[in-house]
Protein backbone atom coordinates (compact mmCIF):
# COMPACT_ATOMS: atom_id res chain seq x y z
CA GLU A 1 17.50 10.53 9.16
CA SER A 2 16.08 11.38 12.47
CA ILE A 3 13.60 10.02 15.01
CA LEU A 4 10.28 11.80 15.02
CA GLY A 5 9.09 10.48 17.99
CA ILE A 6 8.76 7.54 20.77
CA VAL A 7 5.89 5.44 21.67
CA GLY A 8 5.75 3.04 24.47
CA GLU A 9 4.13 1.44 27.62
CA LEU A 10 5.05 3.15 30.81
CA ASN A 11 6.84 1.69 33.77
CA SER A 12 4.67 0.02 36.52
CA ASP A 13 6.30 2.54 39.00
CA VAL A 14 5.20 5.65 37.01
CA ILE A 15 1.81 4.05 36.55
CA SER A 16 1.61 3.55 40.32
CA ASN A 17 2.78 7.05 41.32
CA PHE A 18 0.33 8.94 38.85
CA LYS A 19 -2.43 6.29 39.54
CA LEU A 20 -2.90 5.46 35.99
CA PRO A 21 -4.67 2.44 34.49
CA LYS A 22 -2.64 -0.85 34.56
CA TYR A 23 -1.72 -0.61 31.04
CA SER A 24 -0.71 2.82 30.15
CA GLY A 25 1.56 4.24 27.38
CA ALA A 26 2.89 7.75 26.61
CA MET A 27 4.38 9.34 23.36
CA GLU A 28 7.18 11.98 22.72
CA ILE A 29 7.14 13.86 19.37
CA ASN A 30 10.20 15.69 18.29
CA LEU A 31 8.47 18.71 16.66
CA GLU A 32 11.87 20.19 15.67
CA ALA A 33 12.38 17.07 13.46
CA LEU A 34 8.94 17.04 12.28
CA SER A 35 9.12 20.69 11.07
CA ARG A 36 12.09 19.78 8.96
CA LEU A 37 10.09 17.48 6.87
CA ASP A 38 9.87 18.16 3.20
CA GLY A 39 6.36 19.52 3.56
CA LYS A 40 4.96 17.63 0.50
CA ARG A 41 1.35 16.87 0.60
CA ARG A 42 0.50 13.05 1.36
CA SER A 43 -2.33 11.83 -0.38
CA THR A 44 -5.00 10.13 1.80
CA TYR A 45 -8.33 8.50 1.45
CA SER A 46 -11.23 7.24 3.60
CA ILE A 47 -11.58 3.40 4.33
CA SER A 48 -14.44 1.90 2.73
CA LYS A 49 -17.26 0.29 4.66
CA TYR A 50 -17.40 -2.30 1.85
CA PRO A 51 -15.19 -5.36 1.67
CA PRO A 52 -12.11 -5.24 -0.67
CA ILE A 53 -11.36 -7.70 -3.16
CA THR A 54 -7.98 -9.34 -3.14
CA GLN A 55 -6.46 -11.28 -5.99
CA ASP A 56 -2.86 -12.16 -7.09
CA ILE A 57 -2.13 -11.14 -10.84
CA SER A 58 1.26 -12.59 -12.45
CA LEU A 59 2.42 -10.42 -15.37
CA LEU A 60 5.08 -11.54 -17.75
CA VAL A 61 7.26 -8.66 -18.76
CA ASN A 62 10.70 -8.07 -20.36
CA SER A 63 13.61 -8.36 -17.86
CA ASP A 64 14.37 -4.65 -18.13
CA VAL A 65 10.93 -3.57 -16.53
CA LYS A 66 11.23 -2.66 -13.23
CA TYR A 67 8.69 -3.31 -10.51
CA LYS A 68 8.06 0.21 -9.58
CA GLU A 69 6.89 0.83 -13.44
CA ILE A 70 4.26 -2.08 -12.81
CA GLU A 71 3.28 -0.67 -9.42
CA LYS A 72 2.89 2.99 -10.95
CA ILE A 73 0.77 1.43 -13.94
CA ILE A 74 -1.41 -0.63 -11.56
CA LEU A 75 -2.11 2.51 -9.23
CA GLU A 76 -2.80 4.85 -12.22
CA THR A 77 -5.35 2.14 -13.56
CA VAL A 78 -7.12 1.33 -10.52
CA ASN A 79 -7.08 4.72 -8.27
CA ARG A 80 -9.94 6.41 -10.00
CA ASP A 81 -13.86 6.41 -9.98
CA LYS A 82 -14.10 5.90 -6.26
CA LYS A 83 -11.70 2.95 -6.27
CA THR A 84 -8.40 2.63 -4.44
CA ALA A 85 -5.74 0.04 -4.67
CA SER A 86 -3.04 -1.50 -2.37
CA LEU A 87 -0.16 -3.76 -3.75
CA GLU A 88 2.31 -6.27 -2.59
CA CYS A 89 4.93 -7.75 -4.56
CA ILE A 90 4.83 -11.54 -4.09
CA ASP A 91 7.21 -12.89 -6.43
CA ILE A 92 9.57 -12.05 -9.14
CA TYR A 93 10.82 -14.79 -11.15
CA ALA A 94 13.28 -14.91 -14.10
CA LYS A 95 13.53 -18.28 -15.87
CA GLU A 96 14.30 -17.40 -19.24
CA GLU A 97 16.51 -14.92 -20.66
CA GLY A 98 15.14 -11.60 -21.53
CA SER A 99 11.68 -11.97 -19.44
CA LYS A 100 10.27 -12.49 -16.03
CA SER A 101 7.19 -12.95 -14.19
CA ILE A 102 6.09 -10.23 -11.68
CA THR A 103 3.47 -11.50 -9.20
CA VAL A 104 1.50 -9.00 -7.39
CA ARG A 105 -1.34 -9.10 -4.67
CA ILE A 106 -3.64 -6.23 -5.45
CA THR A 107 -6.28 -5.34 -3.06
CA VAL A 108 -9.17 -3.01 -4.52
CA GLU A 109 -11.98 -1.50 -2.68
CA HIS A 110 -14.68 0.73 -3.65
CA GLU A 111 -16.06 3.82 -1.88
CA ASP A 112 -19.79 2.89 -2.56
CA LYS A 113 -20.12 -0.70 -3.11
CA THR A 114 -18.60 -4.18 -2.88
CA LEU A 115 -17.00 -4.94 -6.20
CA SER A 116 -17.91 -8.20 -8.12
CA ASP A 117 -15.60 -10.76 -9.66
CA ASN A 118 -16.62 -9.52 -12.97
CA GLU A 119 -15.76 -5.88 -12.13
CA PHE A 120 -12.29 -6.95 -10.85
CA GLU A 121 -11.86 -9.06 -14.01
CA LYS A 122 -12.41 -5.68 -16.09
CA ILE A 123 -9.80 -3.92 -13.89
CA ARG A 124 -7.33 -6.94 -14.39
CA GLU A 125 -7.74 -6.70 -18.20
CA LYS A 126 -7.03 -2.87 -18.05
CA ILE A 127 -3.82 -3.54 -16.11
CA VAL A 128 -2.74 -6.35 -18.28
CA LYS A 129 -3.23 -4.08 -21.59
CA ARG A 130 -1.37 -1.06 -19.84
CA VAL A 131 1.47 -3.39 -18.90
CA ASN A 132 1.87 -4.98 -22.34
CA LYS A 133 2.30 -1.64 -23.90
CA ILE A 134 5.40 -0.81 -21.97
CA GLN A 135 7.26 -4.14 -23.43
């Protein structure tokens, strides 16, 4: 593990000496450490100008199902047809032996439009159907 860079606000003496604006910052990038990164392509997407829809979904699964499996299923289900999702695991609760409830906050946005509640409900149904197949 190495530091790729440092970002911070400049000291008031430095700001004064160089006649910089009152609140000035600087950054330093460690190009050597940056060049040693694995080189894998990172996926990116543009931010939609349409508002996202955010809902919590609770999924009842077998106790041996890992959150990463759920995350992968949700992202594969949603991230298509100009839609993108972001997830946050809210809770994992295991009361009964052999099962647990995983609650996920899912935010979905569409590149070309605002999603309706009905459209999100269809996405939710697909997610539940795919999650139920892994049990």
